[in-house]
Structures are given as structure tokens and as C-alpha cells.
């Protein structure tokens, strides 16, 4: 198992850098998503699944290093922590968390030696736009997710099924120097979130983890499958992003300006 496609990767990163610089955006303000890899493909050559997964994450490390060397943020897009617990649903929580440690160990092995401040870890509940009745709550997997060697953690929160997730930080302390990126607009519904809802959501997290440690984001990518007909129409996407901008501005004013301080960035 080896990584191929270095030339295409270098071309993609060069094009992204050019686009960022043309719009006055510094590379360190741009994130590039990448797969954790371990759940991709089928083992036909290795003696064990563990050996196969280790080989895959070693190969993907080439991509991680290239993204970071290009000056961008690396974002691992990984639904495993949140969405792959279903097969263990009947097990006690402590046992499920223990099983999830395999994900943590493999991911941290792939990230070893890479600067945490350039790494974001994104988890979601996958591409399913269905009822979402059996989603694992953030309270269950947060202690496991925070063991990933990343500087920031991105997760679904605007989805009505998870808008209460800030309560997870009432019992779990965010490690020093880390940030969270709660989703404040959902990729799974066409309703455009109100800026006041977004501001309230940001404030709920800021109250628990500190205002400097919250970045407003999206639940997931709006075109969560490689398709020309995304689930959420682009016109709705832009309206959601406009609401996200306004809600973040409102939250920043509430959290900074009302105390007579310079406005920070939510």
C-alpha cells in the first residue's frame, strides 16, 4: 500500500494557493479536507485488518504532510467517531469508548510529528439526510474525540437533532490551547438558519469553553456526495453562509463589544 497521485496533489494545492492569494486570503486561513483513509478499500493482501489499516494511514500521511508543507490547515474529515458506533449500540458506553480507541490510535499514528495548530478534526454523522434517530450524542464520543492530536475539533450542532450538544462541555473540559468549531448551519436541511439562532448557539459554547476558543462553522459540506445535484441548492447555501456571517458578527458583538472591549472573531 503506497500513496500515488503526488503530481495531482501538488497541482491542486498550487491552484488553491493561487486562488487564495488572488483574493487576499493567507494560506494559513484555508483548510484542505483529507480522508483518514483507514475505512477505505478492502484488505486482500495483509494478514490482519489492523496491518491493512496501518498501511493505509501511513500512505495517507503523504497527503497530510503535503497539505501542511503548503502552508494550509489540514482537516481530517472523519465520520467514524460519531457515526460508526451503531454496530456497538447495545454495548455499555465504557466499552464503546474503548473500542473507539482504535480509531484514535490509528489517527494519531498518522498525525505523529505534525503541528497540531495546523490540524482540524471534523466529525459528522455521514451523508444520510434521513430521520437521524440513532445518531450518537456528542456527550458519548466527546471524551474520545478530544484525544485526537488536533488543534481544533469540528462537529455537527446546527442539525436540530444536535442543537443541544453544547451541554457536553458542562461535564468535559476543553483542553488548554484547543478550539472547537460547532456547526451553526446544517448541510442536511434547506431551511436557512436565523442569525439569532446562530448567535445564541455560538454564545452557548463560548460560555462553557471560552469565547476565544469558538469558531463558527458548518455541520458538514453542503455537497456531501460527488454529484452535480447537491442536496442543498447553491442559492440556499449562499443564504446559509450569509446567515452564518451575520450570526457570527452578532455573537462577537455580544461577547466582546458589550463589555467595552475590541470585537474578537467568533
Protein backbone atom coordinates (compact mmCIF):
# COMPACT_ATOMS: atom_id res chain seq x y z
CA UNK A 1 0.00 0.00 0.00
CA UNK A 2 1.54 3.28 -1.16
CA UNK A 3 0.32 6.79 -1.98
CA UNK A 4 0.05 7.69 -5.66
CA UNK A 5 -1.04 10.90 -7.34
CA UNK A 6 1.57 13.27 -5.91
CA UNK A 7 1.55 15.31 -9.13
CA UNK A 8 -2.21 15.83 -8.98
CA UNK A 9 -1.97 16.71 -5.30
CA UNK A 10 0.73 19.32 -5.94
CA UNK A 11 -1.36 20.80 -8.77
CA UNK A 12 -4.46 21.03 -6.58
CA UNK A 13 -2.55 22.71 -3.75
CA UNK A 14 -0.87 25.16 -6.15
CA UNK A 15 -4.24 26.08 -7.67
CA UNK A 16 -5.73 26.61 -4.21
CA UNK A 17 -2.82 28.80 -3.11
CA UNK A 18 -3.17 30.90 -6.27
CA UNK A 19 -6.93 31.32 -5.70
CA UNK A 20 -6.40 32.26 -2.05
CA UNK A 21 -3.69 34.79 -2.78
CA UNK A 22 -5.72 36.29 -5.64
CA UNK A 23 -8.47 37.01 -3.13
CA UNK A 24 -6.19 38.32 -0.40
CA UNK A 25 -6.52 35.20 1.77
CA UNK A 26 -3.47 33.83 3.56
CA UNK A 27 -2.85 30.08 3.17
CA UNK A 28 -2.96 29.61 6.96
CA UNK A 29 -6.61 30.72 6.85
CA UNK A 30 -7.53 27.98 4.35
CA UNK A 31 -8.23 24.36 5.26
CA UNK A 32 -7.91 21.39 2.94
CA UNK A 33 -10.05 18.32 3.73
CA UNK A 34 -8.47 14.89 3.61
CA UNK A 35 -9.67 11.39 4.36
CA UNK A 36 -8.42 9.43 7.37
CA UNK A 37 -8.23 6.55 4.91
CA UNK A 38 -8.47 3.63 7.30
CA UNK A 39 -12.01 2.66 6.25
CA UNK A 40 -11.31 2.87 2.53
CA UNK A 41 -10.77 -0.18 0.37
CA UNK A 42 -10.72 -3.88 1.12
CA UNK A 43 -7.90 -5.95 2.54
CA UNK A 44 -6.76 -8.65 0.15
CA UNK A 45 -3.05 -8.85 0.92
CA UNK A 46 -2.34 -8.19 4.61
CA UNK A 47 -2.50 -10.84 7.30
CA UNK A 48 -4.83 -8.79 9.51
CA UNK A 49 -7.22 -5.86 9.23
CA UNK A 50 -5.02 -3.96 11.66
CA UNK A 51 -1.97 -4.32 9.39
CA UNK A 52 -4.03 -3.17 6.42
CA UNK A 53 -5.38 -0.10 8.22
CA UNK A 54 -1.93 0.84 9.44
CA UNK A 55 -0.59 0.66 5.89
CA UNK A 56 -3.43 2.87 4.65
CA UNK A 57 -2.90 5.62 7.23
CA UNK A 58 0.84 5.53 6.54
CA UNK A 59 0.09 6.11 2.85
CA UNK A 60 -2.34 8.95 3.62
CA UNK A 61 0.31 10.63 5.76
CA UNK A 62 1.99 11.68 2.50
CA UNK A 63 -1.06 13.80 1.68
CA UNK A 64 -1.25 15.26 5.18
CA UNK A 65 2.38 16.32 5.08
CA UNK A 66 1.99 17.93 1.64
CA UNK A 67 -1.03 19.98 2.76
CA UNK A 68 0.80 21.25 5.84
CA UNK A 69 4.03 21.92 3.91
CA UNK A 70 1.97 24.06 1.50
CA UNK A 71 1.00 26.25 4.46
CA UNK A 72 -2.64 25.22 4.66
CA UNK A 73 -4.64 23.79 7.54
CA UNK A 74 -5.24 20.06 7.31
CA UNK A 75 -8.81 18.99 8.08
CA UNK A 76 -9.41 15.29 8.62
CA UNK A 77 -12.98 14.56 7.55
CA UNK A 78 -13.87 11.57 9.67
CA UNK A 79 -17.40 10.35 10.47
CA UNK A 80 -16.07 7.33 12.34
CA UNK A 81 -16.08 8.81 15.84
CA UNK A 82 -19.71 9.90 15.55
CA UNK A 83 -21.40 7.64 13.04
CA UNK A 84 -19.75 4.22 13.23
CA UNK A 85 -20.89 3.44 16.76
CA UNK A 86 -24.15 1.93 15.54
CA UNK A 87 -22.76 -1.59 15.40
CA UNK A 88 -21.86 -1.27 19.11
CA UNK A 89 -25.10 0.38 20.18
CA UNK A 90 -26.07 -2.41 22.57
CA UNK A 91 -22.73 -2.34 24.40
CA UNK A 92 -22.15 -0.28 27.57
CA UNK A 93 -20.82 3.23 26.91
CA UNK A 94 -17.44 2.48 28.51
CA UNK A 95 -16.95 -0.49 26.18
CA UNK A 96 -17.94 1.51 23.11
CA UNK A 97 -15.43 4.18 24.04
CA UNK A 98 -12.77 1.53 24.49
CA UNK A 99 -13.49 0.15 21.02
CA UNK A 100 -13.26 3.67 19.57
CA UNK A 101 -9.72 3.96 20.92
CA UNK A 102 -8.58 2.05 17.84
CA UNK A 103 -9.71 5.00 15.74
CA UNK A 104 -7.81 7.39 18.00
CA UNK A 105 -4.61 5.34 17.92
CA UNK A 106 -4.60 4.97 14.13
CA UNK A 107 -5.37 8.63 13.57
CA UNK A 108 -2.70 9.84 15.98
CA UNK A 109 -0.20 7.47 14.39
CA UNK A 110 -0.87 9.10 11.02
CA UNK A 111 -0.55 12.59 12.54
CA UNK A 112 2.58 11.95 14.59
CA UNK A 113 5.06 14.79 14.43
CA UNK A 114 2.72 17.10 12.50
CA UNK A 115 1.95 20.51 14.07
CA UNK A 116 -1.36 20.32 15.94
CA UNK A 117 -2.05 24.01 15.35
CA UNK A 118 -2.37 23.24 11.62
CA UNK A 119 -4.76 20.32 12.10
CA UNK A 120 -8.56 20.30 12.40
CA UNK A 121 -10.55 17.16 13.08
CA UNK A 122 -14.06 17.11 11.62
CA UNK A 123 -16.64 14.51 12.56
CA UNK A 124 -20.21 14.29 11.38
CA UNK A 125 -22.99 11.75 11.00
CA UNK A 126 -22.30 10.98 7.38
CA UNK A 127 -24.24 11.85 4.26
CA UNK A 128 -27.56 10.43 5.37
CA UNK A 129 -30.33 13.05 5.17
CA UNK A 130 -32.80 10.71 6.81
CA UNK A 131 -34.57 10.78 10.19
CA UNK A 132 -31.28 10.53 12.13
CA UNK A 133 -32.99 8.87 15.09
CA UNK A 134 -29.96 6.81 16.14
CA UNK A 135 -27.19 9.42 15.98
CA UNK A 136 -24.75 9.15 18.85
CA UNK A 137 -24.85 12.27 21.04
CA UNK A 138 -21.74 14.40 21.43
CA UNK A 139 -21.78 13.62 25.14
CA UNK A 140 -20.93 9.98 24.31
CA UNK A 141 -17.98 10.45 21.97
CA UNK A 142 -16.54 13.84 23.00
CA UNK A 143 -14.00 12.42 25.51
CA UNK A 144 -12.71 10.09 22.79
CA UNK A 145 -12.60 12.74 20.07
CA UNK A 146 -10.59 15.15 22.23
CA UNK A 147 -7.76 12.59 22.34
CA UNK A 148 -7.11 13.15 18.63
CA UNK A 149 -3.94 15.22 18.18
CA UNK A 150 -5.57 18.24 16.56
CA UNK A 151 -5.77 21.92 17.37
CA UNK A 152 -9.49 22.26 16.67
CA UNK A 153 -12.50 19.96 16.60
CA UNK A 154 -15.41 20.39 14.19
CA UNK A 155 -18.77 18.70 14.77
CA UNK A 156 -22.47 18.92 13.92
CA UNK A 157 -24.54 21.20 16.10
CA UNK A 158 -27.00 23.12 13.90
CA UNK A 159 -28.82 19.92 12.97
CA UNK A 160 -31.97 20.07 15.17
CA UNK A 161 -31.09 16.62 16.47
CA UNK A 162 -27.86 18.04 17.92
CA UNK A 163 -28.52 21.71 18.68
CA UNK A 164 -28.28 20.89 22.40
CA UNK A 165 -24.78 19.46 22.08
CA UNK A 166 -23.13 22.35 23.92
CA UNK A 167 -24.26 20.65 27.14
CA UNK A 168 -21.49 18.10 26.54
CA UNK A 169 -18.96 20.71 27.67
CA UNK A 170 -20.66 21.05 31.03
CA UNK A 171 -19.01 17.79 32.05
CA UNK A 172 -15.97 17.67 29.76
CA UNK A 173 -13.30 20.37 29.84
CA UNK A 174 -11.79 21.53 26.56
CA UNK A 175 -8.01 21.01 26.78
CA UNK A 176 -5.84 24.11 27.05
CA UNK A 177 -4.90 25.63 23.71
CA UNK A 178 -7.62 23.82 21.75
CA UNK A 179 -10.59 25.26 19.85
CA UNK A 180 -13.97 23.94 18.78
CA UNK A 181 -15.83 24.51 15.52
CA UNK A 182 -19.50 23.75 16.17
CA UNK A 183 -21.70 23.59 13.10
CA UNK A 184 -24.01 26.61 13.13
CA UNK A 185 -25.69 25.95 9.77
CA UNK A 186 -26.81 22.50 8.67
CA UNK A 187 -25.94 20.74 5.42
CA UNK A 188 -28.90 18.38 5.79
CA UNK A 189 -31.86 20.77 5.55
CA UNK A 190 -32.87 23.52 3.15
CA UNK A 191 -34.13 25.80 5.92
CA UNK A 192 -31.91 28.87 6.29
CA UNK A 193 -30.96 29.28 9.94
CA UNK A 194 -31.79 32.63 11.54
CA UNK A 195 -28.76 34.74 12.54
CA UNK A 196 -30.13 34.98 16.08
CA UNK A 197 -30.19 31.19 16.35
CA UNK A 198 -26.59 31.10 15.17
CA UNK A 199 -25.52 33.83 17.61
CA UNK A 200 -27.23 32.04 20.50
CA UNK A 201 -25.55 28.76 19.57
CA UNK A 202 -22.11 30.39 19.48
CA UNK A 203 -22.73 32.04 22.84
CA UNK A 204 -23.82 28.76 24.44
CA UNK A 205 -20.48 27.20 23.52
CA UNK A 206 -18.48 30.32 24.40
CA UNK A 207 -20.00 30.36 27.87
CA UNK A 208 -18.62 26.87 28.50
CA UNK A 209 -15.26 26.79 26.69
CA UNK A 210 -14.29 30.47 26.45
CA UNK A 211 -15.14 32.96 23.72
CA UNK A 212 -11.63 32.81 22.19
CA UNK A 213 -11.97 29.07 21.64
CA UNK A 214 -15.08 29.00 19.42
CA UNK A 215 -15.09 29.19 15.62
CA UNK A 216 -18.45 29.16 13.86
CA UNK A 217 -18.61 26.56 11.08
CA UNK A 218 -20.97 24.31 9.16
CA UNK A 219 -22.23 20.89 10.14
CA UNK A 220 -20.61 19.35 7.07
CA UNK A 221 -20.02 20.00 3.38
CA UNK A 222 -23.14 21.05 1.51
CA UNK A 223 -22.49 18.66 -1.36
CA UNK A 224 -21.73 15.66 0.77
CA UNK A 225 -21.55 13.39 -2.27
CA UNK A 226 -19.66 13.81 -5.55
CA UNK A 227 -22.68 14.84 -7.58
CA UNK A 228 -23.80 17.65 -9.87
CA UNK A 229 -27.08 17.86 -7.99
CA UNK A 230 -26.16 18.69 -4.38
CA UNK A 231 -28.74 18.03 -1.69
CA UNK A 232 -28.86 21.72 -0.77
CA UNK A 233 -29.18 24.09 -3.73
CA UNK A 234 -26.31 26.58 -4.13
CA UNK A 235 -28.67 29.54 -3.75
CA UNK A 236 -29.69 28.17 -0.34
CA UNK A 237 -26.04 27.50 0.54
CA UNK A 238 -25.13 31.14 -0.05
CA UNK A 239 -28.10 32.28 2.05
CA UNK A 240 -26.94 29.98 4.86
CA UNK A 241 -23.39 31.34 4.66
CA UNK A 242 -24.74 34.91 4.77
CA UNK A 243 -26.70 33.98 7.91
CA UNK A 244 -23.57 32.38 9.38
CA UNK A 245 -21.63 35.59 8.79
CA UNK A 246 -24.32 37.77 10.36
CA UNK A 247 -24.85 35.43 13.31
CA UNK A 248 -21.11 35.33 13.98
CA UNK A 249 -20.95 39.12 13.88
CA UNK A 250 -23.81 39.38 16.35
CA UNK A 251 -22.21 36.84 18.69
CA UNK A 252 -18.88 38.69 18.57
CA UNK A 253 -20.57 41.95 19.48
CA UNK A 254 -22.37 40.32 22.38
CA UNK A 255 -19.25 38.59 23.65
CA UNK A 256 -16.80 41.48 23.26
CA UNK A 257 -18.26 44.90 22.42
CA UNK A 258 -20.90 44.98 25.13
CA UNK A 259 -18.11 44.72 27.67
CA UNK A 260 -16.36 47.69 26.12
CA UNK A 261 -13.64 45.52 24.58
CA UNK A 262 -12.46 45.35 20.95
CA UNK A 263 -14.60 42.89 19.00
CA UNK A 264 -12.98 39.48 18.62
CA UNK A 265 -13.76 36.86 15.99
CA UNK A 266 -16.35 34.20 16.70
